[in-house]
C-alpha atoms as a PDB file:
ATOM      1  CA  MET A   1       1.048 -37.157-144.562  1.00  0.00           C
ATOM      2  CA  THR A   2       2.794 -40.450-143.786  1.00  0.00           C
ATOM      3  CA  TRP A   3       6.225 -41.070-145.245  1.00  0.00           C
ATOM      4  CA  ASN A   4       7.381 -44.610-145.914  1.00  0.00           C
ATOM      5  CA  THR A   5      11.091 -44.242-145.272  1.00  0.00           C
ATOM      6  CA  SER A   6      11.976 -47.896-145.067  1.00  0.00           C
ATOM      7  CA  ASN A   7      11.840 -49.154-148.637  1.00  0.00           C
ATOM      8  CA  SER A   8      13.324 -52.632-148.472  1.00  0.00           C
ATOM      9  CA  ASN A   9      13.814 -52.621-152.246  1.00  0.00           C
ATOM     10  CA  ALA A  10      15.970 -49.505-152.417  1.00  0.00           C
ATOM     11  CA  ALA A  11      19.173 -50.021-154.355  1.00  0.00           C
ATOM     12  CA  ILE A  12      22.444 -49.132-152.642  1.00  0.00           C
ATOM     13  CA  ASP A  13      23.435 -46.648-155.361  1.00  0.00           C
ATOM     14  CA  VAL A  14      20.100 -44.855-154.962  1.00  0.00           C
ATOM     15  CA  LEU A  15      20.532 -44.741-151.182  1.00  0.00           C
ATOM     16  CA  GLU A  16      24.049 -43.355-151.611  1.00  0.00           C
ATOM     17  CA  LYS A  17      22.772 -40.586-153.885  1.00  0.00           C
ATOM     18  CA  LEU A  18      19.879 -39.777-151.520  1.00  0.00           C
ATOM     19  CA  SER A  19      22.252 -39.661-148.522  1.00  0.00           C
ATOM     20  CA  LYS A  20      23.703 -36.464-150.030  1.00  0.00           C
ATOM     21  CA  ASP A  21      20.330 -34.787-150.541  1.00  0.00           C
ATOM     22  CA  THR A  22      20.007 -31.251-149.171  1.00  0.00           C
ATOM     23  CA  ASN A  23      16.729 -32.148-147.452  1.00  0.00           C
ATOM     24  CA  LYS A  24      17.272 -33.597-143.986  1.00  0.00           C
ATOM     25  CA  PHE A  25      14.117 -35.711-144.202  1.00  0.00           C
ATOM     26  CA  VAL A  26      15.455 -37.484-147.275  1.00  0.00           C
ATOM     27  CA  ARG A  27      18.725 -38.181-145.433  1.00  0.00           C
ATOM     28  CA  CYS A  28      16.656 -39.378-142.440  1.00  0.00           C
ATOM     29  CA  GLY A  29      14.928 -41.853-144.716  1.00  0.00           C
ATOM     30  CA  VAL A  30      18.278 -43.223-145.830  1.00  0.00           C
ATOM     31  CA  ALA A  31      19.533 -43.433-142.237  1.00  0.00           C
ATOM     32  CA  LYS A  32      16.382 -45.322-141.220  1.00  0.00           C
ATOM     33  CA  ASN A  33      16.403 -47.725-144.175  1.00  0.00           C
ATOM     34  CA  LEU A  34      17.378 -51.277-143.247  1.00  0.00           C
ATOM     35  CA  ASN A  35      19.168 -51.677-146.588  1.00  0.00           C
ATOM     36  CA  THR A  36      21.553 -48.817-145.890  1.00  0.00           C
ATOM     37  CA  ASN A  37      25.021 -50.293-145.673  1.00  0.00           C
ATOM     38  CA  THR A  38      27.485 -49.776-142.847  1.00  0.00           C
ATOM     39  CA  ASP A  39      29.690 -47.329-144.768  1.00  0.00           C
ATOM     40  CA  LEU A  40      26.728 -45.079-145.489  1.00  0.00           C
ATOM     41  CA  LEU A  41      25.536 -45.244-141.868  1.00  0.00           C
ATOM     42  CA  LYS A  42      29.036 -44.252-140.743  1.00  0.00           C
ATOM     43  CA  LYS A  43      28.935 -41.190-143.012  1.00  0.00           C
ATOM     44  CA  LEU A  44      25.433 -40.229-141.883  1.00  0.00           C
ATOM     45  CA  ALA A  45      26.514 -40.507-138.234  1.00  0.00           C
ATOM     46  CA  PHE A  46      28.475 -37.284-138.847  1.00  0.00           C
ATOM     47  CA  ASP A  47      25.524 -35.461-140.446  1.00  0.00           C
ATOM     48  CA  ILE A  48      25.057 -31.903-139.223  1.00  0.00           C
ATOM     49  CA  ASP A  49      21.376 -32.525-138.512  1.00  0.00           C
ATOM     50  CA  ASN A  50      20.492 -34.231-135.247  1.00  0.00           C
ATOM     51  CA  HIS A  51      17.380 -35.863-136.787  1.00  0.00           C
ATOM     52  CA  VAL A  52      19.585 -37.753-139.227  1.00  0.00           C
ATOM     53  CA  ARG A  53      21.958 -38.805-136.443  1.00  0.00           C
ATOM     54  CA  CYS A  54      18.929 -39.988-134.410  1.00  0.00           C
ATOM     55  CA  GLU A  55      17.864 -42.250-137.262  1.00  0.00           C
ATOM     56  CA  VAL A  56      21.382 -43.657-137.554  1.00  0.00           C
ATOM     57  CA  ALA A  57      21.398 -44.311-133.796  1.00  0.00           C
ATOM     58  CA  SER A  58      18.064 -46.159-134.019  1.00  0.00           C
ATOM     59  CA  ASN A  59      18.971 -48.293-137.035  1.00  0.00           C
ATOM     60  CA  PRO A  60      19.529 -51.911-135.918  1.00  0.00           C
ATOM     61  CA  ASN A  61      22.307 -52.247-138.510  1.00  0.00           C
ATOM     62  CA  THR A  62      24.431 -49.441-137.083  1.00  0.00           C
ATOM     63  CA  PRO A  63      27.770 -50.890-135.962  1.00  0.00           C
ATOM     64  CA  ILE A  64      28.714 -50.704-132.288  1.00  0.00           C
ATOM     65  CA  ASP A  65      31.656 -48.371-132.928  1.00  0.00           C
ATOM     66  CA  ILE A  66      29.276 -45.842-134.479  1.00  0.00           C
ATOM     67  CA  LEU A  67      26.813 -46.286-131.613  1.00  0.00           C
ATOM     68  CA  GLY A  68      29.754 -45.538-129.312  1.00  0.00           C
ATOM     69  CA  LYS A  69      30.471 -42.318-131.171  1.00  0.00           C
ATOM     70  CA  LEU A  70      26.805 -41.338-131.121  1.00  0.00           C
ATOM     71  CA  SER A  71      26.566 -42.090-127.390  1.00  0.00           C
ATOM     72  CA  LYS A  72      28.743 -38.983-126.892  1.00  0.00           C
ATOM     73  CA  ASP A  73      26.634 -36.762-129.150  1.00  0.00           C
ATOM     74  CA  THR A  74      25.792 -33.319-127.767  1.00  0.00           C
ATOM     75  CA  ASN A  75      22.129 -33.872-128.629  1.00  0.00           C
ATOM     76  CA  LYS A  76      20.239 -35.780-125.925  1.00  0.00           C
ATOM     77  CA  PHE A  77      17.792 -37.267-128.419  1.00  0.00           C
ATOM     78  CA  VAL A  78      20.634 -38.917-130.330  1.00  0.00           C
ATOM     79  CA  ARG A  79      21.937 -40.380-127.062  1.00  0.00           C
ATOM     80  CA  CYS A  80      18.385 -41.554-126.248  1.00  0.00           C
ATOM     81  CA  GLU A  81      18.219 -43.462-129.523  1.00  0.00           C
ATOM     82  CA  VAL A  82      21.540 -45.140-128.748  1.00  0.00           C
ATOM     83  CA  ALA A  83      20.217 -46.109-125.307  1.00  0.00           C
ATOM     84  CA  LYS A  84      17.059 -47.574-126.929  1.00  0.00           C
ATOM     85  CA  ASN A  85      18.887 -49.521-129.627  1.00  0.00           C
ATOM     86  CA  LEU A  86      18.729 -53.231-128.844  1.00  0.00           C
ATOM     87  CA  ASN A  87      22.223 -53.670-130.285  1.00  0.00           C
ATOM     88  CA  THR A  88      23.831 -51.224-127.881  1.00  0.00           C
ATOM     89  CA  ASN A  89      26.240 -53.246-125.783  1.00  0.00           C
ATOM     90  CA  THR A  90      26.294 -53.310-122.005  1.00  0.00           C
ATOM     91  CA  ASP A  91      29.450 -51.169-121.788  1.00  0.00           C
ATOM     92  CA  LEU A  92      27.704 -48.324-123.606  1.00  0.00           C
ATOM     93  CA  LEU A  93      24.529 -48.794-121.589  1.00  0.00           C
ATOM     94  CA  LYS A  94      26.591 -48.563-118.405  1.00  0.00           C
ATOM     95  CA  LYS A  95      28.122 -45.252-119.557  1.00  0.00           C
ATOM     96  CA  LEU A  96      24.753 -43.886-120.646  1.00  0.00           C
ATOM     97  CA  ALA A  97      23.268 -44.846-117.259  1.00  0.00           C
ATOM     98  CA  PHE A  98      25.223 -41.905-115.836  1.00  0.00           C
ATOM     99  CA  ASP A  99      24.193 -39.433-118.546  1.00  0.00           C
ATOM    100  CA  ILE A 100      23.328 -35.963-117.264  1.00  0.00           C
ATOM    101  CA  ASP A 101      19.949 -36.089-119.025  1.00  0.00           C
ATOM    102  CA  ASN A 102      17.141 -38.035-117.364  1.00  0.00           C
ATOM    103  CA  HIS A 103      15.593 -38.964-120.737  1.00  0.00           C
ATOM    104  CA  VAL A 104      18.737 -40.864-121.674  1.00  0.00           C
ATOM    105  CA  ARG A 105      18.808 -42.626-118.303  1.00  0.00           C
ATOM    106  CA  CYS A 106      15.117 -43.541-118.778  1.00  0.00           C
ATOM    107  CA  GLU A 107      15.927 -45.227-122.075  1.00  0.00           C
ATOM    108  CA  VAL A 108      18.775 -47.165-120.461  1.00  0.00           C
ATOM    109  CA  ALA A 109      16.410 -48.229-117.678  1.00  0.00           C
ATOM    110  CA  SER A 110      13.852 -49.480-120.219  1.00  0.00           C
ATOM    111  CA  ASN A 111      16.319 -51.319-122.469  1.00  0.00           C
ATOM    112  CA  PRO A 112      15.849 -55.102-122.022  1.00  0.00           C
ATOM    113  CA  ASN A 113      19.614 -55.578-122.385  1.00  0.00           C
ATOM    114  CA  THR A 114      20.479 -53.433-119.382  1.00  0.00           C
ATOM    115  CA  LEU A 115      22.251 -55.527-116.780  1.00  0.00           C
ATOM    116  CA  ILE A 116      20.820 -56.019-113.304  1.00  0.00           C
ATOM    117  CA  ASP A 117      23.631 -54.080-111.586  1.00  0.00           C
ATOM    118  CA  ILE A 118      22.903 -51.069-113.797  1.00  0.00           C
ATOM    119  CA  LEU A 119      19.182 -51.360-113.088  1.00  0.00           C
ATOM    120  CA  GLU A 120      19.919 -51.513-109.371  1.00  0.00           C
ATOM    121  CA  GLU A 121      21.995 -48.339-109.661  1.00  0.00           C
ATOM    122  CA  LEU A 122      19.267 -46.614-111.673  1.00  0.00           C
ATOM    123  CA  SER A 123      16.685 -47.642-109.069  1.00  0.00           C
ATOM    124  CA  LYS A 124      18.362 -45.054-106.803  1.00  0.00           C
ATOM    125  CA  ASP A 125      18.185 -42.295-109.426  1.00  0.00           C
ATOM    126  CA  ALA A 126      16.938 -38.919-108.217  1.00  0.00           C
ATOM    127  CA  ASP A 127      14.530 -38.769-111.156  1.00  0.00           C
ATOM    128  CA  GLU A 128      11.196 -40.507-110.575  1.00  0.00           C
ATOM    129  CA  TYR A 129      10.743 -41.284-114.283  1.00  0.00           C
ATOM    130  CA  VAL A 130      14.022 -43.170-114.383  1.00  0.00           C
ATOM    131  CA  ARG A 131      12.972 -45.186-111.332  1.00  0.00           C
ATOM    132  CA  CYS A 132       9.594 -45.846-112.990  1.00  0.00           C
ATOM    133  CA  GLU A 133      11.329 -47.307-116.067  1.00  0.00           C
ATOM    134  CA  VAL A 134      13.446 -49.509-113.812  1.00  0.00           C
ATOM    135  CA  ALA A 135      10.250 -50.778-112.175  1.00  0.00           C
ATOM    136  CA  LYS A 136       8.770 -51.625-115.588  1.00  0.00           C
ATOM    137  CA  ASN A 137      11.873 -53.431-116.892  1.00  0.00           C
ATOM    138  CA  SER A 138      11.244 -57.193-116.843  1.00  0.00           C
ATOM    139  CA  ASN A 139      14.887 -57.781-115.836  1.00  0.00           C
ATOM    140  CA  THR A 140      14.545 -55.872-112.600  1.00  0.00           C
ATOM    141  CA  PRO A 141      14.944 -58.324-109.724  1.00  0.00           C
END
């Protein structure tokens, strides 16, 4: 079954009501929706479920301060989504480049906004998958 969780016609009051649903997949749909406002994304960034926080981290409308909070999440998949987000600033990408988890570092290495000096540092990473992502990044000198 395919779920369409990005209804561009969803009203804000409906999204607000759905953001409190007991089902995590409903809350994920709200977090993923491009019409979800900043205040609602901020609330969902503190959701107990890591799937919901992942969707907040991947939403292009999530403010940088919330991405900063999510970049410190205990769940590596949330941090991966922050590293993938094209709106994540270079300061956060630089911090995530030193994440303990190689999956997070891979996402930093593949992000087109990662600066050359970070890519050069990641090119020396002990993990071959991180180095592979550096090699694929079009910004790698």
